[in-house]
């Protein structure tokens, strides 16, 4: 089963699990109580994610970060 069948919340939950408790706690500091509750509930329900799927989730997250950086720093042409 690929990550396309996972919701964004499930992907975020899997990523937080991968980060481990200390790093995940740093992420949680930037979230609202409702977001923390939603993610915590999803973490408790999350099925086992295999290493291939986890790699896809991490690559997807990295792509989102790069895209956000390009947008906030002036767009594609300025990023070159």
N, C-alpha and C. Protein backbone atom coordinates (compact mmCIF):
# COMPACT_ATOMS: atom_id res chain seq x y z
N UNK A 1 0.85 -1.18 0.00
CA UNK A 1 0.00 0.00 0.00
C UNK A 1 0.90 1.24 0.00
N UNK A 2 0.65 2.17 -0.90
CA UNK A 2 1.46 3.38 -1.00
C UNK A 2 0.93 4.49 -0.12
N UNK A 3 1.68 5.57 -0.08
CA UNK A 3 1.28 6.69 0.78
C UNK A 3 0.11 7.47 0.21
N UNK A 4 -0.23 7.23 -1.05
CA UNK A 4 -1.37 7.93 -1.64
C UNK A 4 -2.67 7.59 -0.92
N UNK A 5 -2.69 6.46 -0.22
CA UNK A 5 -3.88 6.05 0.53
C UNK A 5 -3.90 6.65 1.93
N UNK A 6 -2.85 7.35 2.31
CA UNK A 6 -2.79 7.97 3.64
C UNK A 6 -3.26 9.42 3.57
N UNK A 7 -3.95 9.85 4.61
CA UNK A 7 -4.35 11.25 4.68
C UNK A 7 -3.14 12.09 5.06
N UNK A 8 -3.27 13.39 4.91
CA UNK A 8 -2.18 14.29 5.30
C UNK A 8 -1.89 14.16 6.79
N UNK A 9 -2.93 13.98 7.59
CA UNK A 9 -2.74 13.82 9.03
C UNK A 9 -2.00 12.53 9.35
N UNK A 10 -2.30 11.46 8.63
CA UNK A 10 -1.59 10.20 8.82
C UNK A 10 -0.13 10.33 8.42
N UNK A 11 0.13 11.04 7.34
CA UNK A 11 1.52 11.26 6.91
C UNK A 11 2.29 12.07 7.95
N UNK A 12 1.66 13.13 8.44
CA UNK A 12 2.30 13.97 9.46
C UNK A 12 2.56 13.16 10.72
N UNK A 13 1.63 12.31 11.09
CA UNK A 13 1.79 11.47 12.28
C UNK A 13 2.95 10.51 12.11
N UNK A 14 3.05 9.90 10.95
CA UNK A 14 4.16 8.98 10.68
C UNK A 14 5.49 9.72 10.74
N UNK A 15 5.52 10.92 10.20
CA UNK A 15 6.75 11.71 10.23
C UNK A 15 7.14 12.05 11.67
N UNK A 16 6.17 12.41 12.48
CA UNK A 16 6.44 12.73 13.89
C UNK A 16 6.98 11.51 14.64
N UNK A 17 6.44 10.34 14.35
CA UNK A 17 6.94 9.12 14.98
C UNK A 17 8.40 8.91 14.60
N UNK A 18 8.72 9.13 13.34
CA UNK A 18 10.09 8.97 12.85
C UNK A 18 11.05 9.94 13.52
N UNK A 19 10.57 11.15 13.80
CA UNK A 19 11.41 12.15 14.44
C UNK A 19 11.81 11.76 15.86
N UNK A 20 10.98 10.98 16.51
CA UNK A 20 11.24 10.60 17.90
C UNK A 20 10.64 11.61 18.85
N UNK A 21 10.55 11.25 20.13
CA UNK A 21 9.84 12.08 21.10
C UNK A 21 10.43 13.48 21.31
N UNK A 22 11.73 13.60 21.37
CA UNK A 22 12.34 14.91 21.63
C UNK A 22 12.11 15.89 20.49
N UNK A 23 12.34 15.45 19.27
CA UNK A 23 12.13 16.33 18.12
C UNK A 23 10.65 16.59 17.87
N UNK A 24 9.83 15.56 18.07
CA UNK A 24 8.38 15.74 17.90
C UNK A 24 7.86 16.77 18.89
N UNK A 25 8.38 16.76 20.11
CA UNK A 25 7.96 17.74 21.12
C UNK A 25 8.27 19.16 20.67
N UNK A 26 9.38 19.34 19.98
CA UNK A 26 9.72 20.67 19.46
C UNK A 26 8.73 21.10 18.39
N UNK A 27 8.27 20.16 17.58
CA UNK A 27 7.26 20.46 16.56
C UNK A 27 5.94 20.82 17.23
N UNK A 28 5.56 20.03 18.22
CA UNK A 28 4.29 20.26 18.92
C UNK A 28 4.21 21.65 19.54
N UNK A 29 5.34 22.23 19.91
CA UNK A 29 5.35 23.57 20.51
C UNK A 29 4.80 24.63 19.55
N UNK A 30 4.82 24.34 18.26
CA UNK A 30 4.37 25.29 17.25
C UNK A 30 2.94 25.04 16.78
N UNK A 31 2.27 24.07 17.38
CA UNK A 31 0.94 23.68 16.95
C UNK A 31 -0.12 24.09 17.96
N UNK A 32 -1.33 24.22 17.49
CA UNK A 32 -2.45 24.52 18.39
C UNK A 32 -2.84 23.26 19.16
N UNK A 33 -3.61 23.44 20.23
CA UNK A 33 -4.08 22.30 21.00
C UNK A 33 -4.90 21.34 20.13
N UNK A 34 -5.72 21.90 19.25
CA UNK A 34 -6.55 21.07 18.37
C UNK A 34 -5.68 20.24 17.42
N UNK A 35 -4.62 20.85 16.88
CA UNK A 35 -3.72 20.13 15.98
C UNK A 35 -2.98 19.02 16.72
N UNK A 36 -2.54 19.32 17.93
CA UNK A 36 -1.84 18.31 18.74
C UNK A 36 -2.77 17.14 19.04
N UNK A 37 -4.01 17.46 19.40
CA UNK A 37 -4.98 16.41 19.70
C UNK A 37 -5.25 15.53 18.48
N UNK A 38 -5.42 16.17 17.32
CA UNK A 38 -5.68 15.44 16.08
C UNK A 38 -4.51 14.51 15.73
N UNK A 39 -3.29 15.05 15.83
CA UNK A 39 -2.12 14.25 15.50
C UNK A 39 -1.91 13.12 16.51
N UNK A 40 -2.10 13.42 17.79
CA UNK A 40 -1.93 12.39 18.82
C UNK A 40 -2.91 11.25 18.63
N UNK A 41 -4.15 11.58 18.32
CA UNK A 41 -5.16 10.55 18.06
C UNK A 41 -4.75 9.71 16.85
N UNK A 42 -4.28 10.38 15.81
CA UNK A 42 -3.88 9.66 14.59
C UNK A 42 -2.67 8.77 14.85
N UNK A 43 -1.73 9.24 15.66
CA UNK A 43 -0.55 8.43 16.00
C UNK A 43 -1.00 7.14 16.68
N UNK A 44 -1.99 7.25 17.57
CA UNK A 44 -2.45 6.06 18.30
C UNK A 44 -3.17 5.06 17.39
N UNK A 45 -3.73 5.53 16.27
CA UNK A 45 -4.47 4.66 15.35
C UNK A 45 -3.64 4.22 14.15
N UNK A 46 -2.48 4.80 13.96
CA UNK A 46 -1.72 4.60 12.73
C UNK A 46 -1.29 3.15 12.56
N UNK A 47 -1.51 2.63 11.37
CA UNK A 47 -1.05 1.27 11.04
C UNK A 47 0.47 1.29 10.86
N UNK A 48 1.04 0.13 10.78
CA UNK A 48 2.49 0.02 10.56
C UNK A 48 2.83 0.59 9.19
N UNK A 49 3.83 1.46 9.16
CA UNK A 49 4.32 2.06 7.92
C UNK A 49 5.65 1.39 7.59
N UNK A 50 5.75 0.79 6.41
CA UNK A 50 7.02 0.13 6.07
C UNK A 50 8.07 1.17 5.65
N UNK A 51 9.30 0.72 5.56
CA UNK A 51 10.41 1.65 5.30
C UNK A 51 10.29 2.35 3.95
N UNK A 52 9.76 1.65 2.95
CA UNK A 52 9.58 2.27 1.63
C UNK A 52 8.57 3.41 1.71
N UNK A 53 7.47 3.16 2.41
CA UNK A 53 6.46 4.20 2.58
C UNK A 53 7.01 5.38 3.39
N UNK A 54 7.80 5.06 4.42
CA UNK A 54 8.38 6.13 5.23
C UNK A 54 9.32 6.98 4.40
N UNK A 55 10.10 6.35 3.53
CA UNK A 55 10.97 7.11 2.63
C UNK A 55 10.15 8.04 1.74
N UNK A 56 9.01 7.54 1.24
CA UNK A 56 8.13 8.38 0.41
C UNK A 56 7.59 9.56 1.20
N UNK A 57 7.20 9.31 2.44
CA UNK A 57 6.66 10.38 3.29
C UNK A 57 7.72 11.44 3.54
N UNK A 58 8.93 11.01 3.84
CA UNK A 58 10.02 11.96 4.09
C UNK A 58 10.34 12.76 2.82
N UNK A 59 10.39 12.09 1.67
CA UNK A 59 10.65 12.79 0.41
C UNK A 59 9.54 13.79 0.09
N UNK A 60 8.31 13.40 0.35
CA UNK A 60 7.16 14.28 0.13
C UNK A 60 7.26 15.52 1.02
N UNK A 61 7.59 15.30 2.29
CA UNK A 61 7.74 16.41 3.23
C UNK A 61 8.88 17.33 2.80
N UNK A 62 9.99 16.75 2.40
CA UNK A 62 11.13 17.55 1.93
C UNK A 62 10.73 18.40 0.73
N UNK A 63 10.00 17.80 -0.20
CA UNK A 63 9.52 18.55 -1.36
C UNK A 63 8.64 19.72 -0.97
N UNK A 64 7.77 19.50 0.01
CA UNK A 64 6.92 20.60 0.50
C UNK A 64 7.75 21.71 1.12
N UNK A 65 8.78 21.33 1.87
CA UNK A 65 9.66 22.33 2.50
C UNK A 65 10.39 23.15 1.44
N UNK A 66 10.92 22.49 0.43
CA UNK A 66 11.63 23.19 -0.64
C UNK A 66 10.68 24.13 -1.37
N UNK A 67 9.49 23.65 -1.67
CA UNK A 67 8.49 24.48 -2.36
C UNK A 67 8.16 25.71 -1.53
N UNK A 68 7.95 25.52 -0.24
CA UNK A 68 7.64 26.64 0.65
C UNK A 68 8.79 27.64 0.68
N UNK A 69 10.01 27.14 0.71
CA UNK A 69 11.18 28.02 0.74
C UNK A 69 11.25 28.85 -0.54
N UNK A 70 11.01 28.22 -1.68
CA UNK A 70 11.03 28.94 -2.96
C UNK A 70 9.96 30.03 -2.97
N UNK A 71 8.77 29.70 -2.48
CA UNK A 71 7.68 30.67 -2.46
C UNK A 71 8.01 31.85 -1.55
N UNK A 72 8.53 31.57 -0.36
CA UNK A 72 8.79 32.65 0.60
C UNK A 72 10.04 33.46 0.27
N UNK A 73 10.90 32.92 -0.59
CA UNK A 73 12.13 33.64 -0.91
C UNK A 73 12.12 34.23 -2.31
N UNK A 74 10.95 34.38 -2.90
CA UNK A 74 10.89 35.13 -4.14
C UNK A 74 10.56 34.36 -5.39
N UNK A 75 10.23 33.10 -5.29
CA UNK A 75 9.79 32.36 -6.46
C UNK A 75 10.89 31.55 -7.11
N UNK A 76 10.50 30.83 -8.13
CA UNK A 76 11.37 29.87 -8.81
C UNK A 76 12.60 30.52 -9.42
N UNK A 77 12.43 31.62 -10.14
CA UNK A 77 13.57 32.21 -10.85
C UNK A 77 14.59 32.80 -9.89
N UNK A 78 14.15 33.31 -8.78
CA UNK A 78 15.09 33.83 -7.79
C UNK A 78 15.82 32.70 -7.08
N UNK A 79 15.21 31.53 -7.02
CA UNK A 79 15.82 30.39 -6.33
C UNK A 79 16.99 29.81 -7.09
N UNK A 80 17.10 30.09 -8.40
CA UNK A 80 18.18 29.52 -9.21
C UNK A 80 19.52 30.10 -8.87
